[in-house]
N, C-alpha and C. Protein backbone atom coordinates (compact mmCIF):
# COMPACT_ATOMS: atom_id res chain seq x y z
N GLN A 1 57.19 194.49 84.22
CA GLN A 1 57.84 193.75 83.15
C GLN A 1 58.89 192.82 83.77
N VAL A 2 58.71 191.54 83.53
CA VAL A 2 59.66 190.58 84.09
C VAL A 2 60.96 190.65 83.31
N GLN A 3 62.06 190.45 84.00
CA GLN A 3 63.38 190.43 83.38
C GLN A 3 64.09 189.13 83.71
N LEU A 4 64.82 188.64 82.72
CA LEU A 4 65.63 187.44 82.89
C LEU A 4 67.09 187.81 82.64
N VAL A 5 67.96 187.39 83.53
CA VAL A 5 69.38 187.70 83.38
C VAL A 5 70.16 186.40 83.42
N GLU A 6 70.80 186.09 82.29
CA GLU A 6 71.63 184.88 82.20
C GLU A 6 73.06 185.20 82.60
N SER A 7 73.73 184.21 83.13
CA SER A 7 75.15 184.34 83.47
C SER A 7 75.78 182.96 83.45
N GLY A 8 77.10 182.94 83.50
CA GLY A 8 77.82 181.67 83.58
C GLY A 8 78.48 181.21 82.31
N GLY A 9 78.26 181.93 81.22
CA GLY A 9 78.90 181.56 79.96
C GLY A 9 80.39 181.83 79.99
N GLY A 10 81.07 181.34 78.96
CA GLY A 10 82.50 181.57 78.89
C GLY A 10 83.16 180.64 77.90
N LEU A 11 84.48 180.60 77.99
CA LEU A 11 85.29 179.76 77.12
C LEU A 11 85.71 178.51 77.88
N VAL A 12 85.50 177.36 77.26
CA VAL A 12 85.84 176.09 77.91
C VAL A 12 86.38 175.13 76.86
N GLN A 13 87.24 174.25 77.29
CA GLN A 13 87.79 173.24 76.38
C GLN A 13 86.81 172.10 76.17
N PRO A 14 86.92 171.40 75.06
CA PRO A 14 86.07 170.22 74.86
C PRO A 14 86.21 169.24 76.03
N GLY A 15 85.07 168.70 76.45
CA GLY A 15 85.06 167.81 77.61
C GLY A 15 84.85 168.52 78.92
N GLY A 16 84.91 169.83 78.91
CA GLY A 16 84.76 170.61 80.13
C GLY A 16 83.30 170.82 80.51
N SER A 17 83.11 171.61 81.57
CA SER A 17 81.77 171.86 82.10
C SER A 17 81.55 173.35 82.35
N LEU A 18 80.30 173.74 82.27
CA LEU A 18 79.87 175.08 82.65
C LEU A 18 78.49 174.97 83.26
N ARG A 19 78.17 175.91 84.14
CA ARG A 19 76.81 176.00 84.65
C ARG A 19 76.26 177.38 84.37
N LEU A 20 75.19 177.40 83.61
CA LEU A 20 74.51 178.66 83.31
C LEU A 20 73.40 178.91 84.33
N SER A 21 73.20 180.19 84.63
CA SER A 21 72.13 180.59 85.54
C SER A 21 71.21 181.58 84.84
N CYS A 22 69.96 181.51 85.16
CA CYS A 22 68.96 182.46 84.65
C CYS A 22 68.15 182.95 85.84
N ALA A 23 68.38 184.20 86.20
CA ALA A 23 67.69 184.78 87.34
C ALA A 23 66.50 185.60 86.85
N SER A 24 65.34 185.31 87.41
CA SER A 24 64.12 186.01 87.04
C SER A 24 63.77 187.06 88.07
N SER A 25 63.26 188.21 87.58
CA SER A 25 62.87 189.29 88.50
C SER A 25 61.52 189.00 89.16
N ARG A 26 60.83 187.98 88.68
CA ARG A 26 59.57 187.57 89.27
C ARG A 26 59.61 186.07 89.58
N SER A 27 58.71 185.67 90.40
CA SER A 27 58.66 184.27 90.81
C SER A 27 58.54 183.37 89.60
N ILE A 28 59.36 182.32 89.58
CA ILE A 28 59.26 181.35 88.49
C ILE A 28 58.18 180.31 88.78
N LEU A 29 57.62 180.37 89.98
CA LEU A 29 56.55 179.43 90.31
C LEU A 29 55.31 179.67 89.45
N THR A 30 55.15 180.94 89.01
CA THR A 30 53.97 181.27 88.21
C THR A 30 54.17 180.93 86.73
N SER A 31 55.37 180.55 86.36
CA SER A 31 55.63 180.25 84.96
C SER A 31 55.17 178.84 84.64
N SER A 32 54.64 178.66 83.46
CA SER A 32 54.25 177.31 83.05
C SER A 32 55.49 176.50 82.68
N SER A 33 56.51 177.19 82.19
CA SER A 33 57.75 176.50 81.92
C SER A 33 58.89 177.51 81.85
N MET A 34 60.09 177.00 82.10
CA MET A 34 61.32 177.75 81.92
C MET A 34 62.20 176.92 80.99
N SER A 35 62.85 177.60 80.05
CA SER A 35 63.60 176.85 79.04
C SER A 35 64.93 177.52 78.74
N TRP A 36 65.83 176.70 78.23
CA TRP A 36 67.08 177.19 77.65
C TRP A 36 67.07 176.89 76.15
N TYR A 37 67.41 177.91 75.39
CA TYR A 37 67.58 177.79 73.94
C TYR A 37 69.02 178.19 73.62
N ARG A 38 69.43 177.86 72.40
CA ARG A 38 70.74 178.31 71.95
C ARG A 38 70.67 178.64 70.46
N GLN A 39 71.57 179.54 70.08
CA GLN A 39 71.66 179.91 68.68
C GLN A 39 73.11 180.03 68.28
N ALA A 40 73.51 179.18 67.36
CA ALA A 40 74.87 179.22 66.83
C ALA A 40 74.89 180.13 65.61
N PRO A 41 76.05 180.67 65.24
CA PRO A 41 76.14 181.56 64.08
C PRO A 41 75.59 180.89 62.83
N GLY A 42 74.70 181.60 62.15
CA GLY A 42 74.14 181.09 60.91
C GLY A 42 73.07 180.03 61.07
N LYS A 43 72.69 179.75 62.30
CA LYS A 43 71.68 178.72 62.54
C LYS A 43 70.48 179.30 63.27
N GLN A 44 69.38 178.56 63.21
CA GLN A 44 68.18 178.99 63.92
C GLN A 44 68.31 178.70 65.42
N ARG A 45 67.57 179.46 66.19
CA ARG A 45 67.54 179.21 67.62
C ARG A 45 66.84 177.88 67.86
N GLU A 46 67.41 177.08 68.76
CA GLU A 46 66.85 175.75 69.02
C GLU A 46 66.69 175.52 70.52
N LEU A 47 65.69 174.72 70.85
CA LEU A 47 65.45 174.36 72.24
C LEU A 47 66.53 173.41 72.72
N VAL A 48 67.08 173.70 73.89
CA VAL A 48 68.08 172.84 74.51
C VAL A 48 67.44 172.01 75.61
N ALA A 49 66.72 172.67 76.51
CA ALA A 49 66.09 171.98 77.63
C ALA A 49 64.98 172.84 78.21
N SER A 50 64.00 172.18 78.80
CA SER A 50 62.92 172.92 79.45
C SER A 50 62.50 172.19 80.72
N ILE A 51 61.88 172.96 81.62
CA ILE A 51 61.38 172.39 82.87
C ILE A 51 60.06 173.06 83.19
N THR A 52 59.06 172.26 83.51
CA THR A 52 57.74 172.80 83.81
C THR A 52 57.64 173.19 85.28
N SER A 53 56.54 173.83 85.61
CA SER A 53 56.31 174.20 87.01
C SER A 53 56.21 172.97 87.89
N GLY A 54 55.82 171.85 87.30
CA GLY A 54 55.73 170.61 88.06
C GLY A 54 57.04 169.84 88.14
N GLY A 55 58.05 170.35 87.43
CA GLY A 55 59.37 169.71 87.50
C GLY A 55 59.67 168.75 86.37
N SER A 56 58.76 168.59 85.44
CA SER A 56 59.04 167.71 84.29
C SER A 56 60.06 168.37 83.38
N THR A 57 60.99 167.56 82.89
CA THR A 57 62.05 168.09 82.04
C THR A 57 62.01 167.49 80.65
N ASN A 58 62.59 168.24 79.73
CA ASN A 58 62.66 167.80 78.34
C ASN A 58 63.99 168.28 77.78
N TYR A 59 64.65 167.42 76.99
CA TYR A 59 65.96 167.77 76.45
C TYR A 59 66.02 167.51 74.95
N ALA A 60 66.81 168.31 74.26
CA ALA A 60 67.14 168.02 72.88
C ALA A 60 67.97 166.75 72.85
N ASP A 61 67.80 165.96 71.80
CA ASP A 61 68.55 164.72 71.69
C ASP A 61 70.06 164.95 71.75
N SER A 62 70.50 166.07 71.22
CA SER A 62 71.93 166.36 71.13
C SER A 62 72.59 166.60 72.50
N VAL A 63 71.78 166.86 73.52
CA VAL A 63 72.36 167.16 74.84
C VAL A 63 71.95 166.17 75.91
N LYS A 64 71.09 165.22 75.56
CA LYS A 64 70.64 164.24 76.55
C LYS A 64 71.83 163.49 77.14
N GLY A 65 71.82 163.38 78.46
CA GLY A 65 72.89 162.69 79.15
C GLY A 65 74.08 163.56 79.46
N ARG A 66 74.11 164.77 78.90
CA ARG A 66 75.24 165.70 79.14
C ARG A 66 74.80 166.95 79.88
N PHE A 67 73.59 167.43 79.60
CA PHE A 67 73.08 168.66 80.20
C PHE A 67 71.97 168.33 81.18
N THR A 68 71.86 169.15 82.21
CA THR A 68 70.81 168.99 83.21
C THR A 68 70.20 170.34 83.54
N ILE A 69 68.89 170.44 83.39
CA ILE A 69 68.19 171.67 83.75
C ILE A 69 67.59 171.49 85.15
N SER A 70 67.64 172.55 85.93
CA SER A 70 67.07 172.48 87.27
C SER A 70 66.57 173.87 87.66
N ARG A 71 65.81 173.93 88.74
CA ARG A 71 65.27 175.21 89.18
C ARG A 71 65.35 175.34 90.68
N ASP A 72 65.58 176.55 91.14
CA ASP A 72 65.55 176.87 92.56
C ASP A 72 64.45 177.90 92.74
N ASN A 73 63.29 177.47 93.15
CA ASN A 73 62.15 178.37 93.25
C ASN A 73 62.38 179.49 94.27
N ALA A 74 63.09 179.18 95.32
CA ALA A 74 63.34 180.19 96.35
C ALA A 74 64.20 181.34 95.82
N LYS A 75 65.07 181.02 94.87
CA LYS A 75 65.96 182.04 94.29
C LYS A 75 65.44 182.55 92.95
N ASN A 76 64.30 182.04 92.50
CA ASN A 76 63.75 182.42 91.18
C ASN A 76 64.79 182.25 90.08
N THR A 77 65.49 181.15 90.15
CA THR A 77 66.60 180.92 89.22
C THR A 77 66.50 179.52 88.61
N VAL A 78 66.83 179.48 87.33
CA VAL A 78 66.91 178.22 86.60
C VAL A 78 68.36 178.02 86.18
N TYR A 79 68.80 176.78 86.23
CA TYR A 79 70.18 176.47 85.91
C TYR A 79 70.25 175.50 84.73
N LEU A 80 71.38 175.54 84.05
CA LEU A 80 71.69 174.56 83.02
C LEU A 80 73.11 174.08 83.28
N GLN A 81 73.22 172.88 83.82
CA GLN A 81 74.53 172.27 84.02
C GLN A 81 74.93 171.57 82.74
N MET A 82 76.07 171.98 82.20
CA MET A 82 76.52 171.44 80.92
C MET A 82 77.85 170.71 81.14
N ASP A 83 77.83 169.42 80.91
CA ASP A 83 79.02 168.58 81.07
C ASP A 83 79.42 167.98 79.73
N SER A 84 80.64 167.49 79.67
CA SER A 84 81.14 166.86 78.43
C SER A 84 80.88 167.73 77.21
N LEU A 85 81.22 168.99 77.34
CA LEU A 85 80.93 169.94 76.26
C LEU A 85 81.69 169.60 74.99
N LYS A 86 81.02 169.86 73.86
CA LYS A 86 81.58 169.59 72.55
C LYS A 86 81.72 170.90 71.77
N LEU A 87 82.52 170.85 70.73
CA LEU A 87 82.70 172.03 69.90
C LEU A 87 81.35 172.55 69.38
N GLU A 88 80.48 171.62 69.04
CA GLU A 88 79.19 172.00 68.47
C GLU A 88 78.21 172.59 69.49
N ASP A 89 78.59 172.64 70.75
CA ASP A 89 77.76 173.30 71.76
C ASP A 89 78.00 174.82 71.78
N THR A 90 78.97 175.28 71.00
CA THR A 90 79.25 176.71 70.94
C THR A 90 78.04 177.46 70.40
N ALA A 91 77.57 178.44 71.16
CA ALA A 91 76.38 179.21 70.78
C ALA A 91 76.13 180.28 71.84
N VAL A 92 75.19 181.15 71.52
CA VAL A 92 74.63 182.03 72.54
C VAL A 92 73.45 181.30 73.15
N TYR A 93 73.44 181.22 74.47
CA TYR A 93 72.39 180.50 75.19
C TYR A 93 71.43 181.51 75.79
N TYR A 94 70.14 181.27 75.55
CA TYR A 94 69.08 182.16 76.00
C TYR A 94 68.14 181.44 76.96
N CYS A 95 67.68 182.17 77.94
CA CYS A 95 66.68 181.68 78.86
C CYS A 95 65.32 182.20 78.42
N LYS A 96 64.30 181.39 78.56
CA LYS A 96 62.95 181.80 78.20
C LYS A 96 61.97 181.44 79.30
N ARG A 97 61.10 182.37 79.62
CA ARG A 97 60.04 182.18 80.61
C ARG A 97 58.70 182.22 79.90
N GLN A 98 57.89 181.20 80.13
CA GLN A 98 56.58 181.11 79.50
C GLN A 98 55.51 181.13 80.57
N VAL A 99 54.59 182.08 80.45
CA VAL A 99 53.43 182.13 81.35
C VAL A 99 52.21 182.23 80.45
N GLY A 100 51.52 181.12 80.27
CA GLY A 100 50.42 181.08 79.32
C GLY A 100 50.95 181.46 77.96
N PRO A 101 50.34 182.46 77.29
CA PRO A 101 50.81 182.87 75.97
C PRO A 101 51.95 183.89 76.01
N ALA A 102 52.30 184.34 77.20
CA ALA A 102 53.32 185.39 77.33
C ALA A 102 54.71 184.78 77.43
N THR A 103 55.61 185.32 76.59
CA THR A 103 56.99 184.81 76.53
C THR A 103 57.97 185.93 76.85
N THR A 104 58.95 185.63 77.67
CA THR A 104 60.02 186.57 77.98
C THR A 104 61.35 185.90 77.73
N TRP A 105 62.25 186.62 77.07
CA TRP A 105 63.58 186.12 76.77
C TRP A 105 64.62 186.92 77.54
N GLY A 106 65.70 186.25 77.89
CA GLY A 106 66.85 186.94 78.43
C GLY A 106 67.72 187.46 77.30
N GLN A 107 68.83 188.11 77.67
CA GLN A 107 69.69 188.74 76.67
C GLN A 107 70.71 187.78 76.08
N GLY A 108 70.86 186.62 76.72
CA GLY A 108 71.77 185.61 76.21
C GLY A 108 73.15 185.66 76.85
N THR A 109 73.80 184.51 76.85
CA THR A 109 75.17 184.42 77.35
C THR A 109 75.96 183.51 76.39
N GLN A 110 77.15 183.95 76.06
CA GLN A 110 77.97 183.24 75.07
C GLN A 110 78.68 182.05 75.71
N VAL A 111 78.56 180.91 75.05
CA VAL A 111 79.33 179.72 75.43
C VAL A 111 80.20 179.34 74.24
N THR A 112 81.49 179.28 74.47
CA THR A 112 82.43 178.92 73.41
C THR A 112 83.23 177.71 73.86
N VAL A 113 83.14 176.65 73.06
CA VAL A 113 83.89 175.43 73.34
C VAL A 113 85.00 175.35 72.30
N SER A 114 86.23 175.43 72.77
CA SER A 114 87.36 175.48 71.85
C SER A 114 88.61 174.95 72.53
N SER A 115 89.44 174.30 71.73
CA SER A 115 90.72 173.82 72.26
C SER A 115 91.82 174.84 71.99
């Protein structure tokens, strides 16, 4: 059973930066895609960014130009660099690994943007 462990969340002021990490217990090279989602209180979980095995990336419009997803295959880790954070970025951020029809989620890490 593959496991995903997110880290790097915390409290940051508006305009600040955080880098989230998602460490996989299995090689991410075999995944068709790795993604970051987020869920704010009272809202549905939404896609933030994804990266395919080939390195293609996709971002939600709300984070384009501010967030960057990347992967380190040697470390089986995916990152989400978040810059110019806004109050509305406050949410629990989840990592997702997709291998064909099989989906694995991490436990989530809290990001709070507050002055």
